[in-house]
Amino acid sequence: MSTMAPARRFRENSGPCLLCVEHSSRMLRLPRRNDECSMSETQASGAKRSGGKKSAGAADKSRSGAEKRRLIVDAAIKVFAEKGYHGTRISDIAKNAETAYGLVYHYFKNKEEILDTIFLERWGEFMGAVRAIAADDRGAEDQLLSIAAVILNAHRTRPEWMKVLVFEIQRTQRFADPERVEVVGELFRTVAEILRGGQSRGELREALDPELACYIFVGGLDVVVTSRALELIEIEGDEGTYYARMARTVVDLFINGMSASQPEPGRS
């Protein structure tokens, strides 16, 4: 999540996200590329390798449209994490999903739309959890701890998705589009609102700017997640316990700092 915190202030009363992902409702006929097999060749080679198992086409017929689409998205996450976005071909995704090459184009017009879908759907799930945390009646520190745990545990439970987010999605030009900035901005606005709530209840210092502090909080988690994706941080002992300790450390540093007396900014 190295670019999770864009260097801009998000509007408090921004409108709804204008971005939507439209899926093609028809099969697209694309020119054959030298590095891609035709549908018939893909199915034939798949049938030969399976040694009598159902072909991709036969398996596709037994699945619902929603299931086929989900399998394609899940397969894309795995392949993007392994080969990178630019190193991945549609045929790679189809092979991993055990579906026909042309069926991918029935649900997605190109590879970029698949990456967009991965981001929007997975980010939407994540923000659903963040909204629920922000809506509860606990103190700011406990709410921040829960958000930190959700972010850090995402790498433990969905390492491939986090790898795609850190190394692929955030490195695409589309991530800097205003629509994407608006979507990601909800996280910062939500954290800022939690901080303002803590200030109003006397839990946090009123002199500090919550809109700046929210970037510092998310940025700290960003660096930790990126370090884990790069395997710069090694897990010691039980993984779940270690991630919980990481979340506590980030929140404790953010709330209390490293100084025992926590002096006011500018005072020694």
C-alpha atoms as a PDB file:
ATOM      1  CA  MET A   1       0.000   0.000   0.000  1.00  0.00           C
ATOM      2  CA  SER A   2       2.903   2.306  -0.671  1.00  0.00           C
ATOM      3  CA  THR A   3       0.713   4.863  -2.408  1.00  0.00           C
ATOM      4  CA  MET A   4      -2.356   4.337  -0.281  1.00  0.00           C
ATOM      5  CA  ALA A   5      -2.147   7.879   1.086  1.00  0.00           C
ATOM      6  CA  PRO A   6      -2.300  10.370  -1.821  1.00  0.00           C
ATOM      7  CA  ALA A   7      -0.735  13.706  -0.992  1.00  0.00           C
ATOM      8  CA  ARG A   8      -3.974  15.640  -0.993  1.00  0.00           C
ATOM      9  CA  ARG A   9      -6.769  16.569   1.430  1.00  0.00           C
ATOM     10  CA  PHE A  10     -10.064  14.848   0.766  1.00  0.00           C
ATOM     11  CA  ARG A  11     -13.260  16.856   0.800  1.00  0.00           C
ATOM     12  CA  GLU A  12     -15.471  16.256   3.784  1.00  0.00           C
ATOM     13  CA  ASN A  13     -18.731  16.346   1.846  1.00  0.00           C
ATOM     14  CA  SER A  14     -17.678  14.710  -1.375  1.00  0.00           C
ATOM     15  CA  GLY A  15     -20.284  13.164  -3.591  1.00  0.00           C
ATOM     16  CA  PRO A  16     -20.735   9.472  -4.285  1.00  0.00           C
ATOM     17  CA  CYS A  17     -18.120   7.600  -6.227  1.00  0.00           C
ATOM     18  CA  LEU A  18     -18.786   8.024  -9.925  1.00  0.00           C
ATOM     19  CA  LEU A  19     -16.823   4.950 -10.895  1.00  0.00           C
ATOM     20  CA  CYS A  20     -18.580   1.774 -11.871  1.00  0.00           C
ATOM     21  CA  VAL A  21     -17.268  -1.282 -13.612  1.00  0.00           C
ATOM     22  CA  GLU A  22     -19.319  -2.299 -16.605  1.00  0.00           C
ATOM     23  CA  HIS A  23     -19.041  -5.896 -17.761  1.00  0.00           C
ATOM     24  CA  SER A  24     -19.469  -6.770 -21.394  1.00  0.00           C
ATOM     25  CA  SER A  25     -22.710  -8.636 -22.061  1.00  0.00           C
ATOM     26  CA  ARG A  26     -21.460 -10.245 -25.203  1.00  0.00           C
ATOM     27  CA  MET A  27     -18.475 -12.231 -26.387  1.00  0.00           C
ATOM     28  CA  LEU A  28     -15.802 -10.011 -27.880  1.00  0.00           C
ATOM     29  CA  ARG A  29     -14.103 -11.201 -31.030  1.00  0.00           C
ATOM     30  CA  LEU A  30     -10.448 -10.297 -30.805  1.00  0.00           C
ATOM     31  CA  PRO A  31      -7.669 -10.943 -33.291  1.00  0.00           C
ATOM     32  CA  ARG A  32      -5.561 -13.920 -32.444  1.00  0.00           C
ATOM     33  CA  ARG A  33      -2.185 -13.150 -30.959  1.00  0.00           C
ATOM     34  CA  ASN A  34       0.919 -15.235 -31.483  1.00  0.00           C
ATOM     35  CA  ASP A  35       1.383 -15.705 -27.739  1.00  0.00           C
ATOM     36  CA  GLU A  36      -2.221 -16.803 -27.140  1.00  0.00           C
ATOM     37  CA  CYS A  37      -3.822 -20.109 -28.072  1.00  0.00           C
ATOM     38  CA  SER A  38      -7.170 -20.123 -29.815  1.00  0.00           C
ATOM     39  CA  MET A  39     -10.155 -21.407 -27.894  1.00  0.00           C
ATOM     40  CA  SER A  40     -10.178 -24.720 -29.697  1.00  0.00           C
ATOM     41  CA  GLU A  41      -6.478 -25.271 -29.064  1.00  0.00           C
ATOM     42  CA  THR A  42      -6.818 -24.364 -25.397  1.00  0.00           C
ATOM     43  CA  GLN A  43      -9.732 -26.728 -24.894  1.00  0.00           C
ATOM     44  CA  ALA A  44      -8.058 -29.528 -26.836  1.00  0.00           C
ATOM     45  CA  SER A  45      -4.793 -29.289 -24.927  1.00  0.00           C
ATOM     46  CA  GLY A  46      -6.709 -29.030 -21.646  1.00  0.00           C
ATOM     47  CA  ALA A  47      -8.702 -32.144 -22.443  1.00  0.00           C
ATOM     48  CA  LYS A  48      -5.531 -34.022 -23.329  1.00  0.00           C
ATOM     49  CA  ARG A  49      -3.840 -33.023 -20.061  1.00  0.00           C
ATOM     50  CA  SER A  50      -6.912 -33.902 -17.994  1.00  0.00           C
ATOM     51  CA  GLY A  51      -6.872 -37.503 -19.179  1.00  0.00           C
ATOM     52  CA  GLY A  52     -10.617 -37.855 -19.528  1.00  0.00           C
ATOM     53  CA  LYS A  53     -11.742 -35.180 -17.045  1.00  0.00           C
ATOM     54  CA  LYS A  54     -14.409 -32.633 -17.941  1.00  0.00           C
ATOM     55  CA  SER A  55     -13.236 -30.008 -20.374  1.00  0.00           C
ATOM     56  CA  ALA A  56     -13.278 -26.341 -19.401  1.00  0.00           C
ATOM     57  CA  GLY A  57     -16.339 -25.833 -21.578  1.00  0.00           C
ATOM     58  CA  ALA A  58     -18.228 -28.709 -19.955  1.00  0.00           C
ATOM     59  CA  ALA A  59     -17.362 -27.444 -16.479  1.00  0.00           C
ATOM     60  CA  ASP A  60     -18.476 -23.939 -17.449  1.00  0.00           C
ATOM     61  CA  LYS A  61     -21.946 -25.171 -18.384  1.00  0.00           C
ATOM     62  CA  SER A  62     -22.545 -26.499 -14.875  1.00  0.00           C
ATOM     63  CA  ARG A  63     -21.683 -23.165 -13.211  1.00  0.00           C
ATOM     64  CA  SER A  64     -23.840 -20.099 -12.742  1.00  0.00           C
ATOM     65  CA  GLY A  65     -22.794 -16.796 -14.267  1.00  0.00           C
ATOM     66  CA  ALA A  66     -21.930 -15.363 -10.845  1.00  0.00           C
ATOM     67  CA  GLU A  67     -19.774 -18.380 -10.015  1.00  0.00           C
ATOM     68  CA  LYS A  68     -17.937 -18.193 -13.330  1.00  0.00           C
ATOM     69  CA  ARG A  69     -17.209 -14.515 -12.798  1.00  0.00           C
ATOM     70  CA  ARG A  70     -16.021 -15.130  -9.227  1.00  0.00           C
ATOM     71  CA  LEU A  71     -13.706 -17.928 -10.363  1.00  0.00           C
ATOM     72  CA  ILE A  72     -12.189 -15.641 -12.992  1.00  0.00           C
ATOM     73  CA  VAL A  73     -11.597 -12.853 -10.452  1.00  0.00           C
ATOM     74  CA  ASP A  74     -10.085 -15.261  -7.902  1.00  0.00           C
ATOM     75  CA  ALA A  75      -7.849 -16.771 -10.580  1.00  0.00           C
ATOM     76  CA  ALA A  76      -6.733 -13.317 -11.708  1.00  0.00           C
ATOM     77  CA  ILE A  77      -5.669 -12.437  -8.165  1.00  0.00           C
ATOM     78  CA  LYS A  78      -3.504 -15.558  -8.001  1.00  0.00           C
ATOM     79  CA  VAL A  79      -1.931 -15.010 -11.419  1.00  0.00           C
ATOM     80  CA  PHE A  80      -1.352 -11.265 -10.914  1.00  0.00           C
ATOM     81  CA  ALA A  81       0.335 -12.025  -7.577  1.00  0.00           C
ATOM     82  CA  GLU A  82       2.573 -14.645  -9.205  1.00  0.00           C
ATOM     83  CA  LYS A  83       3.400 -13.066 -12.576  1.00  0.00           C
ATOM     84  CA  GLY A  84       2.549  -9.404 -12.098  1.00  0.00           C
ATOM     85  CA  TYR A  85      -0.071  -7.484 -14.041  1.00  0.00           C
ATOM     86  CA  HIS A  86       2.074  -6.826 -17.110  1.00  0.00           C
ATOM     87  CA  GLY A  87       3.378 -10.397 -17.173  1.00  0.00           C
ATOM     88  CA  THR A  88      -0.104 -11.914 -17.112  1.00  0.00           C
ATOM     89  CA  ARG A  89      -2.104 -12.900 -20.198  1.00  0.00           C
ATOM     90  CA  ILE A  90      -5.822 -13.544 -20.379  1.00  0.00           C
ATOM     91  CA  SER A  91      -4.993 -17.141 -21.255  1.00  0.00           C
ATOM     92  CA  ASP A  92      -3.103 -17.463 -17.942  1.00  0.00           C
ATOM     93  CA  ILE A  93      -6.183 -16.351 -16.035  1.00  0.00           C
ATOM     94  CA  ALA A  94      -8.445 -18.685 -18.012  1.00  0.00           C
ATOM     95  CA  LYS A  95      -6.121 -21.607 -17.351  1.00  0.00           C
ATOM     96  CA  ASN A  96      -5.984 -20.943 -13.615  1.00  0.00           C
ATOM     97  CA  ALA A  97      -9.779 -20.571 -13.495  1.00  0.00           C
ATOM     98  CA  GLU A  98     -10.151 -23.788 -15.526  1.00  0.00           C
ATOM     99  CA  THR A  99     -12.467 -22.008 -17.895  1.00  0.00           C
ATOM    100  CA  ALA A 100     -12.545 -21.311 -21.623  1.00  0.00           C
ATOM    101  CA  TYR A 101     -10.336 -18.474 -22.834  1.00  0.00           C
ATOM    102  CA  GLY A 102     -13.171 -16.688 -24.601  1.00  0.00           C
ATOM    103  CA  LEU A 103     -15.431 -16.824 -21.527  1.00  0.00           C
ATOM    104  CA  VAL A 104     -13.142 -14.370 -19.733  1.00  0.00           C
ATOM    105  CA  TYR A 105     -13.964 -11.811 -22.415  1.00  0.00           C
ATOM    106  CA  HIS A 106     -17.674 -12.441 -21.868  1.00  0.00           C
ATOM    107  CA  TYR A 107     -17.398 -10.983 -18.351  1.00  0.00           C
ATOM    108  CA  PHE A 108     -14.479  -8.567 -18.764  1.00  0.00           C
ATOM    109  CA  LYS A 109     -13.501  -6.572 -21.810  1.00  0.00           C
ATOM    110  CA  ASN A 110      -9.782  -6.623 -20.986  1.00  0.00           C
ATOM    111  CA  LYS A 111      -7.171  -7.255 -18.327  1.00  0.00           C
ATOM    112  CA  GLU A 112      -7.440  -3.721 -16.956  1.00  0.00           C
ATOM    113  CA  GLU A 113     -11.119  -4.180 -16.207  1.00  0.00           C
ATOM    114  CA  ILE A 114     -10.322  -7.343 -14.258  1.00  0.00           C
ATOM    115  CA  LEU A 115      -7.785  -5.424 -12.157  1.00  0.00           C
ATOM    116  CA  ASP A 116     -10.338  -2.649 -11.623  1.00  0.00           C
ATOM    117  CA  THR A 117     -12.900  -5.194 -10.462  1.00  0.00           C
ATOM    118  CA  ILE A 118     -10.453  -6.775  -8.038  1.00  0.00           C
ATOM    119  CA  PHE A 119      -9.727  -3.399  -6.487  1.00  0.00           C
ATOM    120  CA  LEU A 120     -13.317  -2.164  -6.283  1.00  0.00           C
ATOM    121  CA  GLU A 121     -14.800  -5.384  -4.925  1.00  0.00           C
ATOM    122  CA  ARG A 122     -12.089  -6.179  -2.397  1.00  0.00           C
ATOM    123  CA  TRP A 123     -11.748  -2.548  -1.320  1.00  0.00           C
ATOM    124  CA  GLY A 124     -15.515  -2.376  -0.926  1.00  0.00           C
ATOM    125  CA  GLU A 125     -15.439  -5.383   1.422  1.00  0.00           C
ATOM    126  CA  PHE A 126     -12.634  -3.793   3.430  1.00  0.00           C
ATOM    127  CA  MET A 127     -14.435  -0.445   3.707  1.00  0.00           C
ATOM    128  CA  GLY A 128     -17.581  -2.231   4.865  1.00  0.00           C
ATOM    129  CA  ALA A 129     -15.612  -3.480   7.864  1.00  0.00           C
ATOM    130  CA  VAL A 130     -14.096  -0.037   8.477  1.00  0.00           C
ATOM    131  CA  ARG A 131     -17.522   1.644   8.400  1.00  0.00           C
ATOM    132  CA  ALA A 132     -18.862  -0.852  10.926  1.00  0.00           C
ATOM    133  CA  ILE A 133     -15.926  -0.135  13.249  1.00  0.00           C
ATOM    134  CA  ALA A 134     -16.399   3.623  12.944  1.00  0.00           C
ATOM    135  CA  ALA A 135     -20.109   3.288  13.730  1.00  0.00           C
ATOM    136  CA  ASP A 136     -19.676   1.488  17.047  1.00  0.00           C
ATOM    137  CA  ASP A 137     -19.612   3.300  20.388  1.00  0.00           C
ATOM    138  CA  ARG A 138     -16.102   2.436  21.545  1.00  0.00           C
ATOM    139  CA  GLY A 139     -13.336   4.940  22.180  1.00  0.00           C
ATOM    140  CA  ALA A 140     -11.055   6.207  19.413  1.00  0.00           C
ATOM    141  CA  GLU A 141      -8.097   4.062  20.476  1.00  0.00           C
ATOM    142  CA  ASP A 142     -10.114   0.843  20.370  1.00  0.00           C
ATOM    143  CA  GLN A 143     -11.594   1.776  16.995  1.00  0.00           C
ATOM    144  CA  LEU A 144      -8.149   2.519  15.564  1.00  0.00           C
ATOM    145  CA  LEU A 145      -6.866  -0.778  16.949  1.00  0.00           C
ATOM    146  CA  SER A 146      -9.671  -2.637  15.184  1.00  0.00           C
ATOM    147  CA  ILE A 147      -8.925  -0.890  11.873  1.00  0.00           C
ATOM    148  CA  ALA A 148      -5.225  -1.674  12.245  1.00  0.00           C
ATOM    149  CA  ALA A 149      -6.069  -5.314  12.941  1.00  0.00           C
ATOM    150  CA  VAL A 150      -8.301  -5.517   9.845  1.00  0.00           C
ATOM    151  CA  ILE A 151      -5.580  -4.053   7.608  1.00  0.00           C
ATOM    152  CA  LEU A 152      -2.727  -6.141   8.992  1.00  0.00           C
ATOM    153  CA  ASN A 153      -4.722  -9.359   9.166  1.00  0.00           C
ATOM    154  CA  ALA A 154      -5.673  -8.911   5.521  1.00  0.00           C
ATOM    155  CA  HIS A 155      -2.096  -9.786   4.641  1.00  0.00           C
ATOM    156  CA  ARG A 156      -2.255 -12.869   6.837  1.00  0.00           C
ATOM    157  CA  THR A 157      -5.572 -14.141   5.478  1.00  0.00           C
ATOM    158  CA  ARG A 158      -5.352 -12.866   1.882  1.00  0.00           C
ATOM    159  CA  PRO A 159      -1.644 -12.496   1.069  1.00  0.00           C
ATOM    160  CA  GLU A 160      -2.157 -12.721  -2.704  1.00  0.00           C
ATOM    161  CA  TRP A 161      -4.750  -9.946  -2.695  1.00  0.00           C
ATOM    162  CA  MET A 162      -2.508  -7.701  -0.599  1.00  0.00           C
ATOM    163  CA  LYS A 163       0.412  -8.390  -2.926  1.00  0.00           C
ATOM    164  CA  VAL A 164      -1.707  -7.387  -5.914  1.00  0.00           C
ATOM    165  CA  LEU A 165      -2.826  -4.214  -4.114  1.00  0.00           C
ATOM    166  CA  VAL A 166       0.692  -3.211  -3.086  1.00  0.00           C
ATOM    167  CA  PHE A 167       2.624  -4.093  -6.231  1.00  0.00           C
ATOM    168  CA  GLU A 168       0.101  -4.005  -9.063  1.00  0.00           C
ATOM    169  CA  ILE A 169      -3.024  -1.922  -8.419  1.00  0.00           C
ATOM    170  CA  GLN A 170      -1.256   1.020  -6.821  1.00  0.00           C
ATOM    171  CA  ARG A 171       1.348   1.123  -9.538  1.00  0.00           C
ATOM    172  CA  THR A 172      -1.143   1.541 -12.373  1.00  0.00           C
ATOM    173  CA  GLN A 173      -1.908   4.957 -13.807  1.00  0.00           C
ATOM    174  CA  ARG A 174      -5.615   4.400 -13.173  1.00  0.00           C
ATOM    175  CA  PHE A 175      -4.999   4.431  -9.417  1.00  0.00           C
ATOM    176  CA  ALA A 176      -4.313   8.174  -9.624  1.00  0.00           C
ATOM    177  CA  ASP A 177      -7.594   8.890 -11.414  1.00  0.00           C
ATOM    178  CA  PRO A 178      -9.978  11.162  -9.480  1.00  0.00           C
ATOM    179  CA  GLU A 179     -12.498   8.331  -9.170  1.00  0.00           C
ATOM    180  CA  ARG A 180      -9.915   6.046  -7.569  1.00  0.00           C
ATOM    181  CA  VAL A 181      -8.698   8.821  -5.270  1.00  0.00           C
ATOM    182  CA  GLU A 182     -12.305   9.366  -4.178  1.00  0.00           C
ATOM    183  CA  VAL A 183     -12.776   5.661  -3.410  1.00  0.00           C
ATOM    184  CA  VAL A 184      -9.563   5.400  -1.382  1.00  0.00           C
ATOM    185  CA  GLY A 185     -10.282   8.760   0.244  1.00  0.00           C
ATOM    186  CA  GLU A 186     -13.185   7.284   2.175  1.00  0.00           C
ATOM    187  CA  LEU A 187     -10.689   5.448   4.380  1.00  0.00           C
ATOM    188  CA  PHE A 188      -8.924   8.684   5.321  1.00  0.00           C
ATOM    189  CA  ARG A 189     -12.170  10.560   5.883  1.00  0.00           C
ATOM    190  CA  THR A 190     -13.420   7.765   8.142  1.00  0.00           C
ATOM    191  CA  VAL A 191     -10.230   7.706  10.210  1.00  0.00           C
ATOM    192  CA  ALA A 192     -10.313  11.512  10.487  1.00  0.00           C
ATOM    193  CA  GLU A 193     -13.903  11.308  11.760  1.00  0.00           C
ATOM    194  CA  ILE A 194     -12.843   8.769  14.402  1.00  0.00           C
ATOM    195  CA  LEU A 195     -10.091  11.138  15.498  1.00  0.00           C
ATOM    196  CA  ARG A 196     -12.490  14.078  15.690  1.00  0.00           C
ATOM    197  CA  GLY A 197     -14.806  11.954  17.828  1.00  0.00           C
ATOM    198  CA  GLY A 198     -11.932  11.178  20.163  1.00  0.00           C
ATOM    199  CA  GLN A 199     -11.115  14.867  20.409  1.00  0.00           C
ATOM    200  CA  SER A 200     -14.705  15.815  21.192  1.00  0.00           C
ATOM    201  CA  ARG A 201     -14.805  13.238  24.012  1.00  0.00           C
ATOM    202  CA  GLY A 202     -11.526  14.467  25.463  1.00  0.00           C
ATOM    203  CA  GLU A 203      -9.621  11.290  24.547  1.00  0.00           C
ATOM    204  CA  LEU A 204      -7.256  12.997  22.108  1.00  0.00           C
ATOM    205  CA  ARG A 205      -5.576  16.402  22.072  1.00  0.00           C
ATOM    206  CA  GLU A 206      -7.691  19.019  20.337  1.00  0.00           C
ATOM    207  CA  ALA A 207      -4.641  20.953  19.096  1.00  0.00           C
ATOM    208  CA  LEU A 208      -3.756  18.253  16.557  1.00  0.00           C
ATOM    209  CA  ASP A 209      -5.203  18.328  13.032  1.00  0.00           C
ATOM    210  CA  PRO A 210      -7.230  15.104  12.496  1.00  0.00           C
ATOM    211  CA  GLU A 211      -7.060  15.431   8.709  1.00  0.00           C
ATOM    212  CA  LEU A 212      -3.256  15.365   8.831  1.00  0.00           C
ATOM    213  CA  ALA A 213      -3.146  12.749  11.583  1.00  0.00           C
ATOM    214  CA  CYS A 214      -5.277  10.323   9.564  1.00  0.00           C
ATOM    215  CA  TYR A 215      -2.556  10.201   6.873  1.00  0.00           C
ATOM    216  CA  ILE A 216       0.091   9.494   9.492  1.00  0.00           C
ATOM    217  CA  PHE A 217      -1.946   6.636  10.965  1.00  0.00           C
ATOM    218  CA  VAL A 218      -2.781   4.969   7.647  1.00  0.00           C
ATOM    219  CA  GLY A 219       0.734   5.670   6.357  1.00  0.00           C
ATOM    220  CA  GLY A 220       2.253   3.775   9.281  1.00  0.00           C
ATOM    221  CA  LEU A 221       0.086   0.754   8.531  1.00  0.00           C
ATOM    222  CA  ASP A 222       0.928   1.146   4.847  1.00  0.00           C
ATOM    223  CA  VAL A 223       4.637   0.806   5.514  1.00  0.00           C
ATOM    224  CA  VAL A 224       4.148  -2.222   7.772  1.00  0.00           C
ATOM    225  CA  VAL A 225       2.013  -4.051   5.184  1.00  0.00           C
ATOM    226  CA  THR A 226       4.447  -3.234   2.378  1.00  0.00           C
ATOM    227  CA  SER A 227       7.338  -4.480   4.520  1.00  0.00           C
ATOM    228  CA  ARG A 228       5.505  -7.745   5.097  1.00  0.00           C
ATOM    229  CA  ALA A 229       4.775  -8.086   1.372  1.00  0.00           C
ATOM    230  CA  LEU A 230       8.493  -7.579   0.718  1.00  0.00           C
ATOM    231  CA  GLU A 231       9.270 -10.071   3.509  1.00  0.00           C
ATOM    232  CA  LEU A 232      11.334  -7.467   5.353  1.00  0.00           C
ATOM    233  CA  ILE A 233       9.487  -8.270   8.578  1.00  0.00           C
ATOM    234  CA  GLU A 234       9.778 -11.838   9.811  1.00  0.00           C
ATOM    235  CA  ILE A 235       6.996 -13.424  11.848  1.00  0.00           C
ATOM    236  CA  GLU A 236       8.032 -14.622  15.291  1.00  0.00           C
ATOM    237  CA  GLY A 237       5.943 -17.290  16.993  1.00  0.00           C
ATOM    238  CA  ASP A 238       2.205 -17.619  16.377  1.00  0.00           C
ATOM    239  CA  GLU A 239       1.219 -15.620  13.309  1.00  0.00           C
ATOM    240  CA  GLY A 240      -2.119 -14.400  14.650  1.00  0.00           C
ATOM    241  CA  THR A 241      -0.580 -13.269  17.932  1.00  0.00           C
ATOM    242  CA  TYR A 242       2.252 -11.522  16.123  1.00  0.00           C
ATOM    243  CA  TYR A 243      -0.116  -9.568  13.866  1.00  0.00           C
ATOM    244  CA  ALA A 244      -2.170  -8.519  16.907  1.00  0.00           C
ATOM    245  CA  ARG A 245       1.019  -7.243  18.531  1.00  0.00           C
ATOM    246  CA  MET A 246       1.928  -5.349  15.365  1.00  0.00           C
ATOM    247  CA  ALA A 247      -1.476  -3.655  15.366  1.00  0.00           C
ATOM    248  CA  ARG A 248      -1.095  -2.701  19.021  1.00  0.00           C
ATOM    249  CA  THR A 249       2.390  -1.282  18.398  1.00  0.00           C
ATOM    250  CA  VAL A 250       1.228   0.923  15.517  1.00  0.00           C
ATOM    251  CA  VAL A 251      -1.746   2.290  17.469  1.00  0.00           C
ATOM    252  CA  ASP A 252       0.267   2.768  20.668  1.00  0.00           C
ATOM    253  CA  LEU A 253       2.936   4.736  18.792  1.00  0.00           C
ATOM    254  CA  PHE A 254       0.259   6.812  17.083  1.00  0.00           C
ATOM    255  CA  ILE A 255      -1.666   7.588  20.285  1.00  0.00           C
ATOM    256  CA  ASN A 256       1.148   7.782  22.824  1.00  0.00           C
ATOM    257  CA  GLY A 257       4.374   8.175  20.844  1.00  0.00           C
ATOM    258  CA  MET A 258       7.695   6.835  22.146  1.00  0.00           C
ATOM    259  CA  SER A 259       8.251   9.480  24.808  1.00  0.00           C
ATOM    260  CA  ALA A 260       7.243   8.508  28.329  1.00  0.00           C
ATOM    261  CA  SER A 261       5.921  12.015  29.030  1.00  0.00           C
ATOM    262  CA  GLN A 262       4.326  12.666  25.606  1.00  0.00           C
ATOM    263  CA  PRO A 263       5.183  16.415  25.555  1.00  0.00           C
ATOM    264  CA  GLU A 264       3.104  18.824  23.486  1.00  0.00           C
ATOM    265  CA  PRO A 265       4.450  19.490  19.953  1.00  0.00           C
ATOM    266  CA  GLY A 266       7.223  22.105  20.088  1.00  0.00           C
ATOM    267  CA  ARG A 267       7.885  21.640  23.793  1.00  0.00           C
ATOM    268  CA  SER A 268      10.871  19.835  25.228  1.00  0.00           C
END
